[in-house]
Amino acid sequence: MVLVRETWANSIAVWKTTRDGTRIWLRLGNAFQRPLFLCIVYAAPQGLPYADNSLFKHICQKVGEAMSLSDVLLAGDFNARTGTNTDFINCSQLVDVLLVPQAIEDTLPNDMLERQNRDTVTAG
């Protein structure tokens, strides 16, 4: 289910979806200068009977197709395994890429707690 503001209803359409419900692609139209293709993903943890081992291959194929039409945004639960690495984005590393204002970076806590994760496996 996708809930949208009524005034945006005519600007958003389902572009593609899957039978198993792991991915839905939305085409966000008139609200932007160019359409934006948004893919919302749920990747089941490996080992479960409904986990799709080819999920990322399918996502890459559709991303390529969507990028040939316009811009793409991926979002969702990819069930990434980060082991004992940090599981958040260090915004100070993004300043040059995304032009994150210095004020935002300055508000981040300097004393982030070390993760207490027993899972030492990393994906990828």
C-alpha atoms as a PDB file:
ATOM      1  CA  MET A   1       0.000   0.000   0.000  1.00  0.00           C
ATOM      2  CA  VAL A   2       1.299   3.438  -0.901  1.00  0.00           C
ATOM      3  CA  LEU A   3      -0.296   6.476   0.701  1.00  0.00           C
ATOM      4  CA  VAL A   4       0.120   9.825  -1.031  1.00  0.00           C
ATOM      5  CA  ARG A   5      -1.215  13.295  -0.596  1.00  0.00           C
ATOM      6  CA  GLU A   6      -4.392  13.748  -2.643  1.00  0.00           C
ATOM      7  CA  THR A   7      -2.886  16.609  -4.641  1.00  0.00           C
ATOM      8  CA  TRP A   8      -0.072  14.267  -5.760  1.00  0.00           C
ATOM      9  CA  ALA A   9      -2.308  11.339  -6.688  1.00  0.00           C
ATOM     10  CA  ASN A  10      -2.246  12.112 -10.414  1.00  0.00           C
ATOM     11  CA  SER A  11       1.549  12.487 -10.361  1.00  0.00           C
ATOM     12  CA  ILE A  12       2.361   9.050  -8.926  1.00  0.00           C
ATOM     13  CA  ALA A  13       1.835   5.745 -10.666  1.00  0.00           C
ATOM     14  CA  VAL A  14       2.990   2.186 -10.146  1.00  0.00           C
ATOM     15  CA  TRP A  15       5.544   1.520 -12.882  1.00  0.00           C
ATOM     16  CA  LYS A  16       6.419  -2.098 -12.051  1.00  0.00           C
ATOM     17  CA  THR A  17       5.882  -4.508  -9.208  1.00  0.00           C
ATOM     18  CA  THR A  18       6.584  -8.135  -8.359  1.00  0.00           C
ATOM     19  CA  ARG A  19       4.191 -10.938  -7.471  1.00  0.00           C
ATOM     20  CA  ASP A  20       6.081 -11.731  -4.277  1.00  0.00           C
ATOM     21  CA  GLY A  21       5.781  -8.143  -3.040  1.00  0.00           C
ATOM     22  CA  THR A  22       9.520  -7.616  -2.565  1.00  0.00           C
ATOM     23  CA  ARG A  23       9.714  -4.645  -4.922  1.00  0.00           C
ATOM     24  CA  ILE A  24       7.488  -1.868  -6.117  1.00  0.00           C
ATOM     25  CA  TRP A  25       8.549   0.776  -8.610  1.00  0.00           C
ATOM     26  CA  LEU A  26       6.761   4.124  -8.582  1.00  0.00           C
ATOM     27  CA  ARG A  27       6.982   6.793 -11.253  1.00  0.00           C
ATOM     28  CA  LEU A  28       6.812  10.203  -9.618  1.00  0.00           C
ATOM     29  CA  GLY A  29       5.798  12.603 -12.336  1.00  0.00           C
ATOM     30  CA  ASN A  30       4.501  16.137 -12.473  1.00  0.00           C
ATOM     31  CA  ALA A  31       5.850  17.291  -9.114  1.00  0.00           C
ATOM     32  CA  PHE A  32       9.396  17.278 -10.523  1.00  0.00           C
ATOM     33  CA  GLN A  33      11.096  18.709 -13.596  1.00  0.00           C
ATOM     34  CA  ARG A  34      11.840  15.156 -14.726  1.00  0.00           C
ATOM     35  CA  PRO A  35      10.111  11.982 -13.616  1.00  0.00           C
ATOM     36  CA  LEU A  36      11.741  10.118 -10.744  1.00  0.00           C
ATOM     37  CA  PHE A  37      11.581   6.336 -10.536  1.00  0.00           C
ATOM     38  CA  LEU A  38      11.443   5.184  -6.924  1.00  0.00           C
ATOM     39  CA  CYS A  39      12.064   1.525  -6.124  1.00  0.00           C
ATOM     40  CA  ILE A  40      11.054   0.346  -2.657  1.00  0.00           C
ATOM     41  CA  VAL A  41      12.646  -3.000  -1.804  1.00  0.00           C
ATOM     42  CA  TYR A  42      12.303  -5.659   0.855  1.00  0.00           C
ATOM     43  CA  ALA A  43      15.113  -8.217   0.741  1.00  0.00           C
ATOM     44  CA  ALA A  44      14.352 -11.181   2.970  1.00  0.00           C
ATOM     45  CA  PRO A  45      17.306 -12.457   5.021  1.00  0.00           C
ATOM     46  CA  GLN A  46      19.219 -15.265   3.327  1.00  0.00           C
ATOM     47  CA  GLY A  47      18.271 -18.722   4.489  1.00  0.00           C
ATOM     48  CA  LEU A  48      14.544 -18.060   4.699  1.00  0.00           C
ATOM     49  CA  PRO A  49      12.360 -20.047   2.286  1.00  0.00           C
ATOM     50  CA  TYR A  50      11.097 -16.886   0.572  1.00  0.00           C
ATOM     51  CA  ALA A  51      14.550 -15.253   0.178  1.00  0.00           C
ATOM     52  CA  ASP A  52      15.254 -14.460  -3.470  1.00  0.00           C
ATOM     53  CA  ASN A  53      18.902 -15.102  -4.323  1.00  0.00           C
ATOM     54  CA  SER A  54      18.494 -13.292  -7.649  1.00  0.00           C
ATOM     55  CA  LEU A  55      16.900 -10.188  -6.087  1.00  0.00           C
ATOM     56  CA  PHE A  56      19.894  -7.901  -6.628  1.00  0.00           C
ATOM     57  CA  LYS A  57      20.363  -9.095 -10.206  1.00  0.00           C
ATOM     58  CA  HIS A  58      16.730  -8.191 -10.941  1.00  0.00           C
ATOM     59  CA  ILE A  59      17.072  -4.829  -9.206  1.00  0.00           C
ATOM     60  CA  CYS A  60      20.173  -3.986 -11.275  1.00  0.00           C
ATOM     61  CA  GLN A  61      18.362  -4.853 -14.492  1.00  0.00           C
ATOM     62  CA  LYS A  62      15.385  -2.643 -13.642  1.00  0.00           C
ATOM     63  CA  VAL A  63      17.626   0.179 -12.410  1.00  0.00           C
ATOM     64  CA  GLY A  64      19.320   0.174 -15.804  1.00  0.00           C
ATOM     65  CA  GLU A  65      15.961   0.282 -17.548  1.00  0.00           C
ATOM     66  CA  ALA A  66      14.677   3.093 -15.327  1.00  0.00           C
ATOM     67  CA  MET A  67      17.908   5.096 -15.662  1.00  0.00           C
ATOM     68  CA  SER A  68      17.484   5.054 -19.420  1.00  0.00           C
ATOM     69  CA  LEU A  69      14.210   6.949 -18.846  1.00  0.00           C
ATOM     70  CA  SER A  70      15.064   9.282 -15.961  1.00  0.00           C
ATOM     71  CA  ASP A  71      16.517   9.475 -12.445  1.00  0.00           C
ATOM     72  CA  VAL A  72      16.288   6.593  -9.963  1.00  0.00           C
ATOM     73  CA  LEU A  73      16.055   6.342  -6.188  1.00  0.00           C
ATOM     74  CA  LEU A  74      16.337   3.029  -4.310  1.00  0.00           C
ATOM     75  CA  ALA A  75      14.958   2.689  -0.801  1.00  0.00           C
ATOM     76  CA  GLY A  76      13.927  -0.072   1.540  1.00  0.00           C
ATOM     77  CA  ASP A  77      15.168  -2.914   3.695  1.00  0.00           C
ATOM     78  CA  PHE A  78      18.048  -4.669   1.972  1.00  0.00           C
ATOM     79  CA  ASN A  79      18.900  -6.734   5.087  1.00  0.00           C
ATOM     80  CA  ALA A  80      22.521  -5.750   4.785  1.00  0.00           C
ATOM     81  CA  ARG A  81      24.944  -7.323   7.201  1.00  0.00           C
ATOM     82  CA  THR A  82      27.531  -4.888   8.450  1.00  0.00           C
ATOM     83  CA  GLY A  83      29.191  -7.129  11.050  1.00  0.00           C
ATOM     84  CA  THR A  84      31.005  -4.938  13.540  1.00  0.00           C
ATOM     85  CA  ASN A  85      31.341  -2.053  11.058  1.00  0.00           C
ATOM     86  CA  THR A  86      29.244   1.043  11.601  1.00  0.00           C
ATOM     87  CA  ASP A  87      25.669   0.758  10.363  1.00  0.00           C
ATOM     88  CA  PHE A  88      25.160   4.439   9.671  1.00  0.00           C
ATOM     89  CA  ILE A  89      26.495   6.959   7.188  1.00  0.00           C
ATOM     90  CA  ASN A  90      29.184   9.296   8.440  1.00  0.00           C
ATOM     91  CA  CYS A  91      27.869  12.609   7.104  1.00  0.00           C
ATOM     92  CA  SER A  92      31.334  14.176   7.212  1.00  0.00           C
ATOM     93  CA  GLN A  93      32.235  11.866   4.325  1.00  0.00           C
ATOM     94  CA  LEU A  94      29.297  13.164   2.265  1.00  0.00           C
ATOM     95  CA  VAL A  95      29.886  16.898   2.454  1.00  0.00           C
ATOM     96  CA  ASP A  96      31.798  17.073  -0.825  1.00  0.00           C
ATOM     97  CA  VAL A  97      29.386  14.762  -2.622  1.00  0.00           C
ATOM     98  CA  LEU A  98      26.013  16.028  -1.428  1.00  0.00           C
ATOM     99  CA  LEU A  99      26.988  19.524  -0.301  1.00  0.00           C
ATOM    100  CA  VAL A 100      25.638  18.819   3.181  1.00  0.00           C
ATOM    101  CA  PRO A 101      25.660  22.118   5.075  1.00  0.00           C
ATOM    102  CA  GLN A 102      28.389  22.368   7.707  1.00  0.00           C
ATOM    103  CA  ALA A 103      25.711  23.168  10.307  1.00  0.00           C
ATOM    104  CA  ILE A 104      24.233  19.686   9.939  1.00  0.00           C
ATOM    105  CA  GLU A 105      27.625  18.024  10.302  1.00  0.00           C
ATOM    106  CA  ASP A 106      28.359  20.102  13.416  1.00  0.00           C
ATOM    107  CA  THR A 107      25.195  18.834  15.126  1.00  0.00           C
ATOM    108  CA  LEU A 108      26.226  15.169  14.913  1.00  0.00           C
ATOM    109  CA  PRO A 109      27.401  13.672  18.212  1.00  0.00           C
ATOM    110  CA  ASN A 110      31.160  13.193  18.493  1.00  0.00           C
ATOM    111  CA  ASP A 111      30.866  10.337  20.967  1.00  0.00           C
ATOM    112  CA  MET A 112      29.018   7.697  18.948  1.00  0.00           C
ATOM    113  CA  LEU A 113      28.821   4.468  20.899  1.00  0.00           C
ATOM    114  CA  GLU A 114      30.721   1.493  19.551  1.00  0.00           C
ATOM    115  CA  ARG A 115      28.369  -1.160  18.165  1.00  0.00           C
ATOM    116  CA  GLN A 116      27.795  -4.180  20.351  1.00  0.00           C
ATOM    117  CA  ASN A 117      26.943  -6.505  17.474  1.00  0.00           C
ATOM    118  CA  ARG A 118      27.588 -10.237  17.814  1.00  0.00           C
ATOM    119  CA  ASP A 119      27.164 -10.760  14.069  1.00  0.00           C
ATOM    120  CA  THR A 120      30.664 -10.483  12.598  1.00  0.00           C
ATOM    121  CA  VAL A 121      29.645 -11.344   9.019  1.00  0.00           C
ATOM    122  CA  THR A 122      29.535  -8.602   6.413  1.00  0.00           C
ATOM    123  CA  ALA A 123      27.593  -8.841   3.178  1.00  0.00           C
ATOM    124  CA  GLY A 124      29.368  -8.130  -0.077  1.00  0.00           C
END
